[in-house]
Amino acid sequence: KRQIVSAIDYIIYLGRLKDGKRRVL
């Protein structure tokens, strides 16, 4: 956990909506 939180600053999570469109969620 210490390694991860020290190394990574941000997570950008993407998904597909029901209509197939891709969005930053």
PDBML (XML) file of the C-alpha atoms, coordinates in Angstrom:
<?xml version="1.0" encoding="UTF-8" ?>
<PDBx:datablock datablockName="MODEL"
   xmlns:PDBx="http://pdbml.pdb.org/schema/pdbx-v50.xsd"
   xmlns:xsi="http://www.w3.org/2001/XMLSchema-instance"
   xsi:schemaLocation="http://pdbml.pdb.org/schema/pdbx-v50.xsd pdbx-v50.xsd">
   <PDBx:atom_siteCategory>
      <PDBx:atom_site id="1">
         <PDBx:B_iso_or_equiv>0.00</PDBx:B_iso_or_equiv>
         <PDBx:Cartn_x>0.000</PDBx:Cartn_x>
         <PDBx:Cartn_y>0.000</PDBx:Cartn_y>
         <PDBx:Cartn_z>0.000</PDBx:Cartn_z>
         <PDBx:auth_asym_id>A</PDBx:auth_asym_id>
         <PDBx:auth_atom_id>CA</PDBx:auth_atom_id>
         <PDBx:auth_comp_id>LYS</PDBx:auth_comp_id>
         <PDBx:auth_seq_id>1</PDBx:auth_seq_id>
         <PDBx:group_PDB>ATOM</PDBx:group_PDB>
         <PDBx:label_alt_id xsi:nil="true" />
         <PDBx:label_asym_id>A</PDBx:label_asym_id>
         <PDBx:label_atom_id>CA</PDBx:label_atom_id>
         <PDBx:label_comp_id>LYS</PDBx:label_comp_id>
         <PDBx:label_entity_id>1</PDBx:label_entity_id>
         <PDBx:label_seq_id>1</PDBx:label_seq_id>
         <PDBx:occupancy>1.00</PDBx:occupancy>
         <PDBx:pdbx_PDB_model_num>1</PDBx:pdbx_PDB_model_num>
         <PDBx:type_symbol>C</PDBx:type_symbol>
      </PDBx:atom_site>
      <PDBx:atom_site id="2">
         <PDBx:B_iso_or_equiv>0.00</PDBx:B_iso_or_equiv>
         <PDBx:Cartn_x>2.815</PDBx:Cartn_x>
         <PDBx:Cartn_y>2.411</PDBx:Cartn_y>
         <PDBx:Cartn_z>0.827</PDBx:Cartn_z>
         <PDBx:auth_asym_id>A</PDBx:auth_asym_id>
         <PDBx:auth_atom_id>CA</PDBx:auth_atom_id>
         <PDBx:auth_comp_id>ARG</PDBx:auth_comp_id>
         <PDBx:auth_seq_id>2</PDBx:auth_seq_id>
         <PDBx:group_PDB>ATOM</PDBx:group_PDB>
         <PDBx:label_alt_id xsi:nil="true" />
         <PDBx:label_asym_id>A</PDBx:label_asym_id>
         <PDBx:label_atom_id>CA</PDBx:label_atom_id>
         <PDBx:label_comp_id>ARG</PDBx:label_comp_id>
         <PDBx:label_entity_id>1</PDBx:label_entity_id>
         <PDBx:label_seq_id>2</PDBx:label_seq_id>
         <PDBx:occupancy>1.00</PDBx:occupancy>
         <PDBx:pdbx_PDB_model_num>1</PDBx:pdbx_PDB_model_num>
         <PDBx:type_symbol>C</PDBx:type_symbol>
      </PDBx:atom_site>
      <PDBx:atom_site id="3">
         <PDBx:B_iso_or_equiv>0.00</PDBx:B_iso_or_equiv>
         <PDBx:Cartn_x>4.449</PDBx:Cartn_x>
         <PDBx:Cartn_y>1.690</PDBx:Cartn_y>
         <PDBx:Cartn_z>-2.530</PDBx:Cartn_z>
         <PDBx:auth_asym_id>A</PDBx:auth_asym_id>
         <PDBx:auth_atom_id>CA</PDBx:auth_atom_id>
         <PDBx:auth_comp_id>GLN</PDBx:auth_comp_id>
         <PDBx:auth_seq_id>3</PDBx:auth_seq_id>
         <PDBx:group_PDB>ATOM</PDBx:group_PDB>
         <PDBx:label_alt_id xsi:nil="true" />
         <PDBx:label_asym_id>A</PDBx:label_asym_id>
         <PDBx:label_atom_id>CA</PDBx:label_atom_id>
         <PDBx:label_comp_id>GLN</PDBx:label_comp_id>
         <PDBx:label_entity_id>1</PDBx:label_entity_id>
         <PDBx:label_seq_id>3</PDBx:label_seq_id>
         <PDBx:occupancy>1.00</PDBx:occupancy>
         <PDBx:pdbx_PDB_model_num>1</PDBx:pdbx_PDB_model_num>
         <PDBx:type_symbol>C</PDBx:type_symbol>
      </PDBx:atom_site>
      <PDBx:atom_site id="4">
         <PDBx:B_iso_or_equiv>0.00</PDBx:B_iso_or_equiv>
         <PDBx:Cartn_x>1.195</PDBx:Cartn_x>
         <PDBx:Cartn_y>2.309</PDBx:Cartn_y>
         <PDBx:Cartn_z>-4.407</PDBx:Cartn_z>
         <PDBx:auth_asym_id>A</PDBx:auth_asym_id>
         <PDBx:auth_atom_id>CA</PDBx:auth_atom_id>
         <PDBx:auth_comp_id>ILE</PDBx:auth_comp_id>
         <PDBx:auth_seq_id>4</PDBx:auth_seq_id>
         <PDBx:group_PDB>ATOM</PDBx:group_PDB>
         <PDBx:label_alt_id xsi:nil="true" />
         <PDBx:label_asym_id>A</PDBx:label_asym_id>
         <PDBx:label_atom_id>CA</PDBx:label_atom_id>
         <PDBx:label_comp_id>ILE</PDBx:label_comp_id>
         <PDBx:label_entity_id>1</PDBx:label_entity_id>
         <PDBx:label_seq_id>4</PDBx:label_seq_id>
         <PDBx:occupancy>1.00</PDBx:occupancy>
         <PDBx:pdbx_PDB_model_num>1</PDBx:pdbx_PDB_model_num>
         <PDBx:type_symbol>C</PDBx:type_symbol>
      </PDBx:atom_site>
      <PDBx:atom_site id="5">
         <PDBx:B_iso_or_equiv>0.00</PDBx:B_iso_or_equiv>
         <PDBx:Cartn_x>0.138</PDBx:Cartn_x>
         <PDBx:Cartn_y>5.550</PDBx:Cartn_y>
         <PDBx:Cartn_z>-2.705</PDBx:Cartn_z>
         <PDBx:auth_asym_id>A</PDBx:auth_asym_id>
         <PDBx:auth_atom_id>CA</PDBx:auth_atom_id>
         <PDBx:auth_comp_id>VAL</PDBx:auth_comp_id>
         <PDBx:auth_seq_id>5</PDBx:auth_seq_id>
         <PDBx:group_PDB>ATOM</PDBx:group_PDB>
         <PDBx:label_alt_id xsi:nil="true" />
         <PDBx:label_asym_id>A</PDBx:label_asym_id>
         <PDBx:label_atom_id>CA</PDBx:label_atom_id>
         <PDBx:label_comp_id>VAL</PDBx:label_comp_id>
         <PDBx:label_entity_id>1</PDBx:label_entity_id>
         <PDBx:label_seq_id>5</PDBx:label_seq_id>
         <PDBx:occupancy>1.00</PDBx:occupancy>
         <PDBx:pdbx_PDB_model_num>1</PDBx:pdbx_PDB_model_num>
         <PDBx:type_symbol>C</PDBx:type_symbol>
      </PDBx:atom_site>
      <PDBx:atom_site id="6">
         <PDBx:B_iso_or_equiv>0.00</PDBx:B_iso_or_equiv>
         <PDBx:Cartn_x>3.667</PDBx:Cartn_x>
         <PDBx:Cartn_y>6.921</PDBx:Cartn_y>
         <PDBx:Cartn_z>-2.932</PDBx:Cartn_z>
         <PDBx:auth_asym_id>A</PDBx:auth_asym_id>
         <PDBx:auth_atom_id>CA</PDBx:auth_atom_id>
         <PDBx:auth_comp_id>SER</PDBx:auth_comp_id>
         <PDBx:auth_seq_id>6</PDBx:auth_seq_id>
         <PDBx:group_PDB>ATOM</PDBx:group_PDB>
         <PDBx:label_alt_id xsi:nil="true" />
         <PDBx:label_asym_id>A</PDBx:label_asym_id>
         <PDBx:label_atom_id>CA</PDBx:label_atom_id>
         <PDBx:label_comp_id>SER</PDBx:label_comp_id>
         <PDBx:label_entity_id>1</PDBx:label_entity_id>
         <PDBx:label_seq_id>6</PDBx:label_seq_id>
         <PDBx:occupancy>1.00</PDBx:occupancy>
         <PDBx:pdbx_PDB_model_num>1</PDBx:pdbx_PDB_model_num>
         <PDBx:type_symbol>C</PDBx:type_symbol>
      </PDBx:atom_site>
      <PDBx:atom_site id="7">
         <PDBx:B_iso_or_equiv>0.00</PDBx:B_iso_or_equiv>
         <PDBx:Cartn_x>3.990</PDBx:Cartn_x>
         <PDBx:Cartn_y>6.116</PDBx:Cartn_y>
         <PDBx:Cartn_z>-6.642</PDBx:Cartn_z>
         <PDBx:auth_asym_id>A</PDBx:auth_asym_id>
         <PDBx:auth_atom_id>CA</PDBx:auth_atom_id>
         <PDBx:auth_comp_id>ALA</PDBx:auth_comp_id>
         <PDBx:auth_seq_id>7</PDBx:auth_seq_id>
         <PDBx:group_PDB>ATOM</PDBx:group_PDB>
         <PDBx:label_alt_id xsi:nil="true" />
         <PDBx:label_asym_id>A</PDBx:label_asym_id>
         <PDBx:label_atom_id>CA</PDBx:label_atom_id>
         <PDBx:label_comp_id>ALA</PDBx:label_comp_id>
         <PDBx:label_entity_id>1</PDBx:label_entity_id>
         <PDBx:label_seq_id>7</PDBx:label_seq_id>
         <PDBx:occupancy>1.00</PDBx:occupancy>
         <PDBx:pdbx_PDB_model_num>1</PDBx:pdbx_PDB_model_num>
         <PDBx:type_symbol>C</PDBx:type_symbol>
      </PDBx:atom_site>
      <PDBx:atom_site id="8">
         <PDBx:B_iso_or_equiv>0.00</PDBx:B_iso_or_equiv>
         <PDBx:Cartn_x>0.545</PDBx:Cartn_x>
         <PDBx:Cartn_y>6.901</PDBx:Cartn_y>
         <PDBx:Cartn_z>-8.053</PDBx:Cartn_z>
         <PDBx:auth_asym_id>A</PDBx:auth_asym_id>
         <PDBx:auth_atom_id>CA</PDBx:auth_atom_id>
         <PDBx:auth_comp_id>ILE</PDBx:auth_comp_id>
         <PDBx:auth_seq_id>8</PDBx:auth_seq_id>
         <PDBx:group_PDB>ATOM</PDBx:group_PDB>
         <PDBx:label_alt_id xsi:nil="true" />
         <PDBx:label_asym_id>A</PDBx:label_asym_id>
         <PDBx:label_atom_id>CA</PDBx:label_atom_id>
         <PDBx:label_comp_id>ILE</PDBx:label_comp_id>
         <PDBx:label_entity_id>1</PDBx:label_entity_id>
         <PDBx:label_seq_id>8</PDBx:label_seq_id>
         <PDBx:occupancy>1.00</PDBx:occupancy>
         <PDBx:pdbx_PDB_model_num>1</PDBx:pdbx_PDB_model_num>
         <PDBx:type_symbol>C</PDBx:type_symbol>
      </PDBx:atom_site>
      <PDBx:atom_site id="9">
         <PDBx:B_iso_or_equiv>0.00</PDBx:B_iso_or_equiv>
         <PDBx:Cartn_x>-1.128</PDBx:Cartn_x>
         <PDBx:Cartn_y>10.274</PDBx:Cartn_y>
         <PDBx:Cartn_z>-7.756</PDBx:Cartn_z>
         <PDBx:auth_asym_id>A</PDBx:auth_asym_id>
         <PDBx:auth_atom_id>CA</PDBx:auth_atom_id>
         <PDBx:auth_comp_id>ASP</PDBx:auth_comp_id>
         <PDBx:auth_seq_id>9</PDBx:auth_seq_id>
         <PDBx:group_PDB>ATOM</PDBx:group_PDB>
         <PDBx:label_alt_id xsi:nil="true" />
         <PDBx:label_asym_id>A</PDBx:label_asym_id>
         <PDBx:label_atom_id>CA</PDBx:label_atom_id>
         <PDBx:label_comp_id>ASP</PDBx:label_comp_id>
         <PDBx:label_entity_id>1</PDBx:label_entity_id>
         <PDBx:label_seq_id>9</PDBx:label_seq_id>
         <PDBx:occupancy>1.00</PDBx:occupancy>
         <PDBx:pdbx_PDB_model_num>1</PDBx:pdbx_PDB_model_num>
         <PDBx:type_symbol>C</PDBx:type_symbol>
      </PDBx:atom_site>
      <PDBx:atom_site id="10">
         <PDBx:B_iso_or_equiv>0.00</PDBx:B_iso_or_equiv>
         <PDBx:Cartn_x>-4.360</PDBx:Cartn_x>
         <PDBx:Cartn_y>9.908</PDBx:Cartn_y>
         <PDBx:Cartn_z>-9.749</PDBx:Cartn_z>
         <PDBx:auth_asym_id>A</PDBx:auth_asym_id>
         <PDBx:auth_atom_id>CA</PDBx:auth_atom_id>
         <PDBx:auth_comp_id>TYR</PDBx:auth_comp_id>
         <PDBx:auth_seq_id>10</PDBx:auth_seq_id>
         <PDBx:group_PDB>ATOM</PDBx:group_PDB>
         <PDBx:label_alt_id xsi:nil="true" />
         <PDBx:label_asym_id>A</PDBx:label_asym_id>
         <PDBx:label_atom_id>CA</PDBx:label_atom_id>
         <PDBx:label_comp_id>TYR</PDBx:label_comp_id>
         <PDBx:label_entity_id>1</PDBx:label_entity_id>
         <PDBx:label_seq_id>10</PDBx:label_seq_id>
         <PDBx:occupancy>1.00</PDBx:occupancy>
         <PDBx:pdbx_PDB_model_num>1</PDBx:pdbx_PDB_model_num>
         <PDBx:type_symbol>C</PDBx:type_symbol>
      </PDBx:atom_site>
      <PDBx:atom_site id="11">
         <PDBx:B_iso_or_equiv>0.00</PDBx:B_iso_or_equiv>
         <PDBx:Cartn_x>-6.705</PDBx:Cartn_x>
         <PDBx:Cartn_y>7.315</PDBx:Cartn_y>
         <PDBx:Cartn_z>-11.212</PDBx:Cartn_z>
         <PDBx:auth_asym_id>A</PDBx:auth_asym_id>
         <PDBx:auth_atom_id>CA</PDBx:auth_atom_id>
         <PDBx:auth_comp_id>ILE</PDBx:auth_comp_id>
         <PDBx:auth_seq_id>11</PDBx:auth_seq_id>
         <PDBx:group_PDB>ATOM</PDBx:group_PDB>
         <PDBx:label_alt_id xsi:nil="true" />
         <PDBx:label_asym_id>A</PDBx:label_asym_id>
         <PDBx:label_atom_id>CA</PDBx:label_atom_id>
         <PDBx:label_comp_id>ILE</PDBx:label_comp_id>
         <PDBx:label_entity_id>1</PDBx:label_entity_id>
         <PDBx:label_seq_id>11</PDBx:label_seq_id>
         <PDBx:occupancy>1.00</PDBx:occupancy>
         <PDBx:pdbx_PDB_model_num>1</PDBx:pdbx_PDB_model_num>
         <PDBx:type_symbol>C</PDBx:type_symbol>
      </PDBx:atom_site>
      <PDBx:atom_site id="12">
         <PDBx:B_iso_or_equiv>0.00</PDBx:B_iso_or_equiv>
         <PDBx:Cartn_x>-8.810</PDBx:Cartn_x>
         <PDBx:Cartn_y>8.149</PDBx:Cartn_y>
         <PDBx:Cartn_z>-14.264</PDBx:Cartn_z>
         <PDBx:auth_asym_id>A</PDBx:auth_asym_id>
         <PDBx:auth_atom_id>CA</PDBx:auth_atom_id>
         <PDBx:auth_comp_id>ILE</PDBx:auth_comp_id>
         <PDBx:auth_seq_id>12</PDBx:auth_seq_id>
         <PDBx:group_PDB>ATOM</PDBx:group_PDB>
         <PDBx:label_alt_id xsi:nil="true" />
         <PDBx:label_asym_id>A</PDBx:label_asym_id>
         <PDBx:label_atom_id>CA</PDBx:label_atom_id>
         <PDBx:label_comp_id>ILE</PDBx:label_comp_id>
         <PDBx:label_entity_id>1</PDBx:label_entity_id>
         <PDBx:label_seq_id>12</PDBx:label_seq_id>
         <PDBx:occupancy>1.00</PDBx:occupancy>
         <PDBx:pdbx_PDB_model_num>1</PDBx:pdbx_PDB_model_num>
         <PDBx:type_symbol>C</PDBx:type_symbol>
      </PDBx:atom_site>
      <PDBx:atom_site id="13">
         <PDBx:B_iso_or_equiv>0.00</PDBx:B_iso_or_equiv>
         <PDBx:Cartn_x>-11.591</PDBx:Cartn_x>
         <PDBx:Cartn_y>5.577</PDBx:Cartn_y>
         <PDBx:Cartn_z>-14.567</PDBx:Cartn_z>
         <PDBx:auth_asym_id>A</PDBx:auth_asym_id>
         <PDBx:auth_atom_id>CA</PDBx:auth_atom_id>
         <PDBx:auth_comp_id>TYR</PDBx:auth_comp_id>
         <PDBx:auth_seq_id>13</PDBx:auth_seq_id>
         <PDBx:group_PDB>ATOM</PDBx:group_PDB>
         <PDBx:label_alt_id xsi:nil="true" />
         <PDBx:label_asym_id>A</PDBx:label_asym_id>
         <PDBx:label_atom_id>CA</PDBx:label_atom_id>
         <PDBx:label_comp_id>TYR</PDBx:label_comp_id>
         <PDBx:label_entity_id>1</PDBx:label_entity_id>
         <PDBx:label_seq_id>13</PDBx:label_seq_id>
         <PDBx:occupancy>1.00</PDBx:occupancy>
         <PDBx:pdbx_PDB_model_num>1</PDBx:pdbx_PDB_model_num>
         <PDBx:type_symbol>C</PDBx:type_symbol>
      </PDBx:atom_site>
      <PDBx:atom_site id="14">
         <PDBx:B_iso_or_equiv>0.00</PDBx:B_iso_or_equiv>
         <PDBx:Cartn_x>-13.336</PDBx:Cartn_x>
         <PDBx:Cartn_y>5.003</PDBx:Cartn_y>
         <PDBx:Cartn_z>-17.919</PDBx:Cartn_z>
         <PDBx:auth_asym_id>A</PDBx:auth_asym_id>
         <PDBx:auth_atom_id>CA</PDBx:auth_atom_id>
         <PDBx:auth_comp_id>LEU</PDBx:auth_comp_id>
         <PDBx:auth_seq_id>14</PDBx:auth_seq_id>
         <PDBx:group_PDB>ATOM</PDBx:group_PDB>
         <PDBx:label_alt_id xsi:nil="true" />
         <PDBx:label_asym_id>A</PDBx:label_asym_id>
         <PDBx:label_atom_id>CA</PDBx:label_atom_id>
         <PDBx:label_comp_id>LEU</PDBx:label_comp_id>
         <PDBx:label_entity_id>1</PDBx:label_entity_id>
         <PDBx:label_seq_id>14</PDBx:label_seq_id>
         <PDBx:occupancy>1.00</PDBx:occupancy>
         <PDBx:pdbx_PDB_model_num>1</PDBx:pdbx_PDB_model_num>
         <PDBx:type_symbol>C</PDBx:type_symbol>
      </PDBx:atom_site>
      <PDBx:atom_site id="15">
         <PDBx:B_iso_or_equiv>0.00</PDBx:B_iso_or_equiv>
         <PDBx:Cartn_x>-16.513</PDBx:Cartn_x>
         <PDBx:Cartn_y>3.096</PDBx:Cartn_y>
         <PDBx:Cartn_z>-18.681</PDBx:Cartn_z>
         <PDBx:auth_asym_id>A</PDBx:auth_asym_id>
         <PDBx:auth_atom_id>CA</PDBx:auth_atom_id>
         <PDBx:auth_comp_id>GLY</PDBx:auth_comp_id>
         <PDBx:auth_seq_id>15</PDBx:auth_seq_id>
         <PDBx:group_PDB>ATOM</PDBx:group_PDB>
         <PDBx:label_alt_id xsi:nil="true" />
         <PDBx:label_asym_id>A</PDBx:label_asym_id>
         <PDBx:label_atom_id>CA</PDBx:label_atom_id>
         <PDBx:label_comp_id>GLY</PDBx:label_comp_id>
         <PDBx:label_entity_id>1</PDBx:label_entity_id>
         <PDBx:label_seq_id>15</PDBx:label_seq_id>
         <PDBx:occupancy>1.00</PDBx:occupancy>
         <PDBx:pdbx_PDB_model_num>1</PDBx:pdbx_PDB_model_num>
         <PDBx:type_symbol>C</PDBx:type_symbol>
      </PDBx:atom_site>
      <PDBx:atom_site id="16">
         <PDBx:B_iso_or_equiv>0.00</PDBx:B_iso_or_equiv>
         <PDBx:Cartn_x>-19.034</PDBx:Cartn_x>
         <PDBx:Cartn_y>2.354</PDBx:Cartn_y>
         <PDBx:Cartn_z>-21.398</PDBx:Cartn_z>
         <PDBx:auth_asym_id>A</PDBx:auth_asym_id>
         <PDBx:auth_atom_id>CA</PDBx:auth_atom_id>
         <PDBx:auth_comp_id>ARG</PDBx:auth_comp_id>
         <PDBx:auth_seq_id>16</PDBx:auth_seq_id>
         <PDBx:group_PDB>ATOM</PDBx:group_PDB>
         <PDBx:label_alt_id xsi:nil="true" />
         <PDBx:label_asym_id>A</PDBx:label_asym_id>
         <PDBx:label_atom_id>CA</PDBx:label_atom_id>
         <PDBx:label_comp_id>ARG</PDBx:label_comp_id>
         <PDBx:label_entity_id>1</PDBx:label_entity_id>
         <PDBx:label_seq_id>16</PDBx:label_seq_id>
         <PDBx:occupancy>1.00</PDBx:occupancy>
         <PDBx:pdbx_PDB_model_num>1</PDBx:pdbx_PDB_model_num>
         <PDBx:type_symbol>C</PDBx:type_symbol>
      </PDBx:atom_site>
      <PDBx:atom_site id="17">
         <PDBx:B_iso_or_equiv>0.00</PDBx:B_iso_or_equiv>
         <PDBx:Cartn_x>-22.605</PDBx:Cartn_x>
         <PDBx:Cartn_y>3.533</PDBx:Cartn_y>
         <PDBx:Cartn_z>-21.028</PDBx:Cartn_z>
         <PDBx:auth_asym_id>A</PDBx:auth_asym_id>
         <PDBx:auth_atom_id>CA</PDBx:auth_atom_id>
         <PDBx:auth_comp_id>LEU</PDBx:auth_comp_id>
         <PDBx:auth_seq_id>17</PDBx:auth_seq_id>
         <PDBx:group_PDB>ATOM</PDBx:group_PDB>
         <PDBx:label_alt_id xsi:nil="true" />
         <PDBx:label_asym_id>A</PDBx:label_asym_id>
         <PDBx:label_atom_id>CA</PDBx:label_atom_id>
         <PDBx:label_comp_id>LEU</PDBx:label_comp_id>
         <PDBx:label_entity_id>1</PDBx:label_entity_id>
         <PDBx:label_seq_id>17</PDBx:label_seq_id>
         <PDBx:occupancy>1.00</PDBx:occupancy>
         <PDBx:pdbx_PDB_model_num>1</PDBx:pdbx_PDB_model_num>
         <PDBx:type_symbol>C</PDBx:type_symbol>
      </PDBx:atom_site>
      <PDBx:atom_site id="18">
         <PDBx:B_iso_or_equiv>0.00</PDBx:B_iso_or_equiv>
         <PDBx:Cartn_x>-25.609</PDBx:Cartn_x>
         <PDBx:Cartn_y>1.441</PDBx:Cartn_y>
         <PDBx:Cartn_z>-22.069</PDBx:Cartn_z>
         <PDBx:auth_asym_id>A</PDBx:auth_asym_id>
         <PDBx:auth_atom_id>CA</PDBx:auth_atom_id>
         <PDBx:auth_comp_id>LYS</PDBx:auth_comp_id>
         <PDBx:auth_seq_id>18</PDBx:auth_seq_id>
         <PDBx:group_PDB>ATOM</PDBx:group_PDB>
         <PDBx:label_alt_id xsi:nil="true" />
         <PDBx:label_asym_id>A</PDBx:label_asym_id>
         <PDBx:label_atom_id>CA</PDBx:label_atom_id>
         <PDBx:label_comp_id>LYS</PDBx:label_comp_id>
         <PDBx:label_entity_id>1</PDBx:label_entity_id>
         <PDBx:label_seq_id>18</PDBx:label_seq_id>
         <PDBx:occupancy>1.00</PDBx:occupancy>
         <PDBx:pdbx_PDB_model_num>1</PDBx:pdbx_PDB_model_num>
         <PDBx:type_symbol>C</PDBx:type_symbol>
      </PDBx:atom_site>
      <PDBx:atom_site id="19">
         <PDBx:B_iso_or_equiv>0.00</PDBx:B_iso_or_equiv>
         <PDBx:Cartn_x>-25.639</PDBx:Cartn_x>
         <PDBx:Cartn_y>3.132</PDBx:Cartn_y>
         <PDBx:Cartn_z>-25.471</PDBx:Cartn_z>
         <PDBx:auth_asym_id>A</PDBx:auth_asym_id>
         <PDBx:auth_atom_id>CA</PDBx:auth_atom_id>
         <PDBx:auth_comp_id>ASP</PDBx:auth_comp_id>
         <PDBx:auth_seq_id>19</PDBx:auth_seq_id>
         <PDBx:group_PDB>ATOM</PDBx:group_PDB>
         <PDBx:label_alt_id xsi:nil="true" />
         <PDBx:label_asym_id>A</PDBx:label_asym_id>
         <PDBx:label_atom_id>CA</PDBx:label_atom_id>
         <PDBx:label_comp_id>ASP</PDBx:label_comp_id>
         <PDBx:label_entity_id>1</PDBx:label_entity_id>
         <PDBx:label_seq_id>19</PDBx:label_seq_id>
         <PDBx:occupancy>1.00</PDBx:occupancy>
         <PDBx:pdbx_PDB_model_num>1</PDBx:pdbx_PDB_model_num>
         <PDBx:type_symbol>C</PDBx:type_symbol>
      </PDBx:atom_site>
      <PDBx:atom_site id="20">
         <PDBx:B_iso_or_equiv>0.00</PDBx:B_iso_or_equiv>
         <PDBx:Cartn_x>-22.027</PDBx:Cartn_x>
         <PDBx:Cartn_y>2.041</PDBx:Cartn_y>
         <PDBx:Cartn_z>-26.074</PDBx:Cartn_z>
         <PDBx:auth_asym_id>A</PDBx:auth_asym_id>
         <PDBx:auth_atom_id>CA</PDBx:auth_atom_id>
         <PDBx:auth_comp_id>GLY</PDBx:auth_comp_id>
         <PDBx:auth_seq_id>20</PDBx:auth_seq_id>
         <PDBx:group_PDB>ATOM</PDBx:group_PDB>
         <PDBx:label_alt_id xsi:nil="true" />
         <PDBx:label_asym_id>A</PDBx:label_asym_id>
         <PDBx:label_atom_id>CA</PDBx:label_atom_id>
         <PDBx:label_comp_id>GLY</PDBx:label_comp_id>
         <PDBx:label_entity_id>1</PDBx:label_entity_id>
         <PDBx:label_seq_id>20</PDBx:label_seq_id>
         <PDBx:occupancy>1.00</PDBx:occupancy>
         <PDBx:pdbx_PDB_model_num>1</PDBx:pdbx_PDB_model_num>
         <PDBx:type_symbol>C</PDBx:type_symbol>
      </PDBx:atom_site>
      <PDBx:atom_site id="21">
         <PDBx:B_iso_or_equiv>0.00</PDBx:B_iso_or_equiv>
         <PDBx:Cartn_x>-20.510</PDBx:Cartn_x>
         <PDBx:Cartn_y>5.509</PDBx:Cartn_y>
         <PDBx:Cartn_z>-25.593</PDBx:Cartn_z>
         <PDBx:auth_asym_id>A</PDBx:auth_asym_id>
         <PDBx:auth_atom_id>CA</PDBx:auth_atom_id>
         <PDBx:auth_comp_id>LYS</PDBx:auth_comp_id>
         <PDBx:auth_seq_id>21</PDBx:auth_seq_id>
         <PDBx:group_PDB>ATOM</PDBx:group_PDB>
         <PDBx:label_alt_id xsi:nil="true" />
         <PDBx:label_asym_id>A</PDBx:label_asym_id>
         <PDBx:label_atom_id>CA</PDBx:label_atom_id>
         <PDBx:label_comp_id>LYS</PDBx:label_comp_id>
         <PDBx:label_entity_id>1</PDBx:label_entity_id>
         <PDBx:label_seq_id>21</PDBx:label_seq_id>
         <PDBx:occupancy>1.00</PDBx:occupancy>
         <PDBx:pdbx_PDB_model_num>1</PDBx:pdbx_PDB_model_num>
         <PDBx:type_symbol>C</PDBx:type_symbol>
      </PDBx:atom_site>
      <PDBx:atom_site id="22">
         <PDBx:B_iso_or_equiv>0.00</PDBx:B_iso_or_equiv>
         <PDBx:Cartn_x>-17.224</PDBx:Cartn_x>
         <PDBx:Cartn_y>5.711</PDBx:Cartn_y>
         <PDBx:Cartn_z>-23.709</PDBx:Cartn_z>
         <PDBx:auth_asym_id>A</PDBx:auth_asym_id>
         <PDBx:auth_atom_id>CA</PDBx:auth_atom_id>
         <PDBx:auth_comp_id>ARG</PDBx:auth_comp_id>
         <PDBx:auth_seq_id>22</PDBx:auth_seq_id>
         <PDBx:group_PDB>ATOM</PDBx:group_PDB>
         <PDBx:label_alt_id xsi:nil="true" />
         <PDBx:label_asym_id>A</PDBx:label_asym_id>
         <PDBx:label_atom_id>CA</PDBx:label_atom_id>
         <PDBx:label_comp_id>ARG</PDBx:label_comp_id>
         <PDBx:label_entity_id>1</PDBx:label_entity_id>
         <PDBx:label_seq_id>22</PDBx:label_seq_id>
         <PDBx:occupancy>1.00</PDBx:occupancy>
         <PDBx:pdbx_PDB_model_num>1</PDBx:pdbx_PDB_model_num>
         <PDBx:type_symbol>C</PDBx:type_symbol>
      </PDBx:atom_site>
      <PDBx:atom_site id="23">
         <PDBx:B_iso_or_equiv>0.00</PDBx:B_iso_or_equiv>
         <PDBx:Cartn_x>-16.993</PDBx:Cartn_x>
         <PDBx:Cartn_y>8.228</PDBx:Cartn_y>
         <PDBx:Cartn_z>-20.897</PDBx:Cartn_z>
         <PDBx:auth_asym_id>A</PDBx:auth_asym_id>
         <PDBx:auth_atom_id>CA</PDBx:auth_atom_id>
         <PDBx:auth_comp_id>ARG</PDBx:auth_comp_id>
         <PDBx:auth_seq_id>23</PDBx:auth_seq_id>
         <PDBx:group_PDB>ATOM</PDBx:group_PDB>
         <PDBx:label_alt_id xsi:nil="true" />
         <PDBx:label_asym_id>A</PDBx:label_asym_id>
         <PDBx:label_atom_id>CA</PDBx:label_atom_id>
         <PDBx:label_comp_id>ARG</PDBx:label_comp_id>
         <PDBx:label_entity_id>1</PDBx:label_entity_id>
         <PDBx:label_seq_id>23</PDBx:label_seq_id>
         <PDBx:occupancy>1.00</PDBx:occupancy>
         <PDBx:pdbx_PDB_model_num>1</PDBx:pdbx_PDB_model_num>
         <PDBx:type_symbol>C</PDBx:type_symbol>
      </PDBx:atom_site>
      <PDBx:atom_site id="24">
         <PDBx:B_iso_or_equiv>0.00</PDBx:B_iso_or_equiv>
         <PDBx:Cartn_x>-14.650</PDBx:Cartn_x>
         <PDBx:Cartn_y>9.336</PDBx:Cartn_y>
         <PDBx:Cartn_z>-18.120</PDBx:Cartn_z>
         <PDBx:auth_asym_id>A</PDBx:auth_asym_id>
         <PDBx:auth_atom_id>CA</PDBx:auth_atom_id>
         <PDBx:auth_comp_id>VAL</PDBx:auth_comp_id>
         <PDBx:auth_seq_id>24</PDBx:auth_seq_id>
         <PDBx:group_PDB>ATOM</PDBx:group_PDB>
         <PDBx:label_alt_id xsi:nil="true" />
         <PDBx:label_asym_id>A</PDBx:label_asym_id>
         <PDBx:label_atom_id>CA</PDBx:label_atom_id>
         <PDBx:label_comp_id>VAL</PDBx:label_comp_id>
         <PDBx:label_entity_id>1</PDBx:label_entity_id>
         <PDBx:label_seq_id>24</PDBx:label_seq_id>
         <PDBx:occupancy>1.00</PDBx:occupancy>
         <PDBx:pdbx_PDB_model_num>1</PDBx:pdbx_PDB_model_num>
         <PDBx:type_symbol>C</PDBx:type_symbol>
      </PDBx:atom_site>
      <PDBx:atom_site id="25">
         <PDBx:B_iso_or_equiv>0.00</PDBx:B_iso_or_equiv>
         <PDBx:Cartn_x>-16.598</PDBx:Cartn_x>
         <PDBx:Cartn_y>8.302</PDBx:Cartn_y>
         <PDBx:Cartn_z>-15.027</PDBx:Cartn_z>
         <PDBx:auth_asym_id>A</PDBx:auth_asym_id>
         <PDBx:auth_atom_id>CA</PDBx:auth_atom_id>
         <PDBx:auth_comp_id>LEU</PDBx:auth_comp_id>
         <PDBx:auth_seq_id>25</PDBx:auth_seq_id>
         <PDBx:group_PDB>ATOM</PDBx:group_PDB>
         <PDBx:label_alt_id xsi:nil="true" />
         <PDBx:label_asym_id>A</PDBx:label_asym_id>
         <PDBx:label_atom_id>CA</PDBx:label_atom_id>
         <PDBx:label_comp_id>LEU</PDBx:label_comp_id>
         <PDBx:label_entity_id>1</PDBx:label_entity_id>
         <PDBx:label_seq_id>25</PDBx:label_seq_id>
         <PDBx:occupancy>1.00</PDBx:occupancy>
         <PDBx:pdbx_PDB_model_num>1</PDBx:pdbx_PDB_model_num>
         <PDBx:type_symbol>C</PDBx:type_symbol>
      </PDBx:atom_site>
   </PDBx:atom_siteCategory>
</PDBx:datablock>
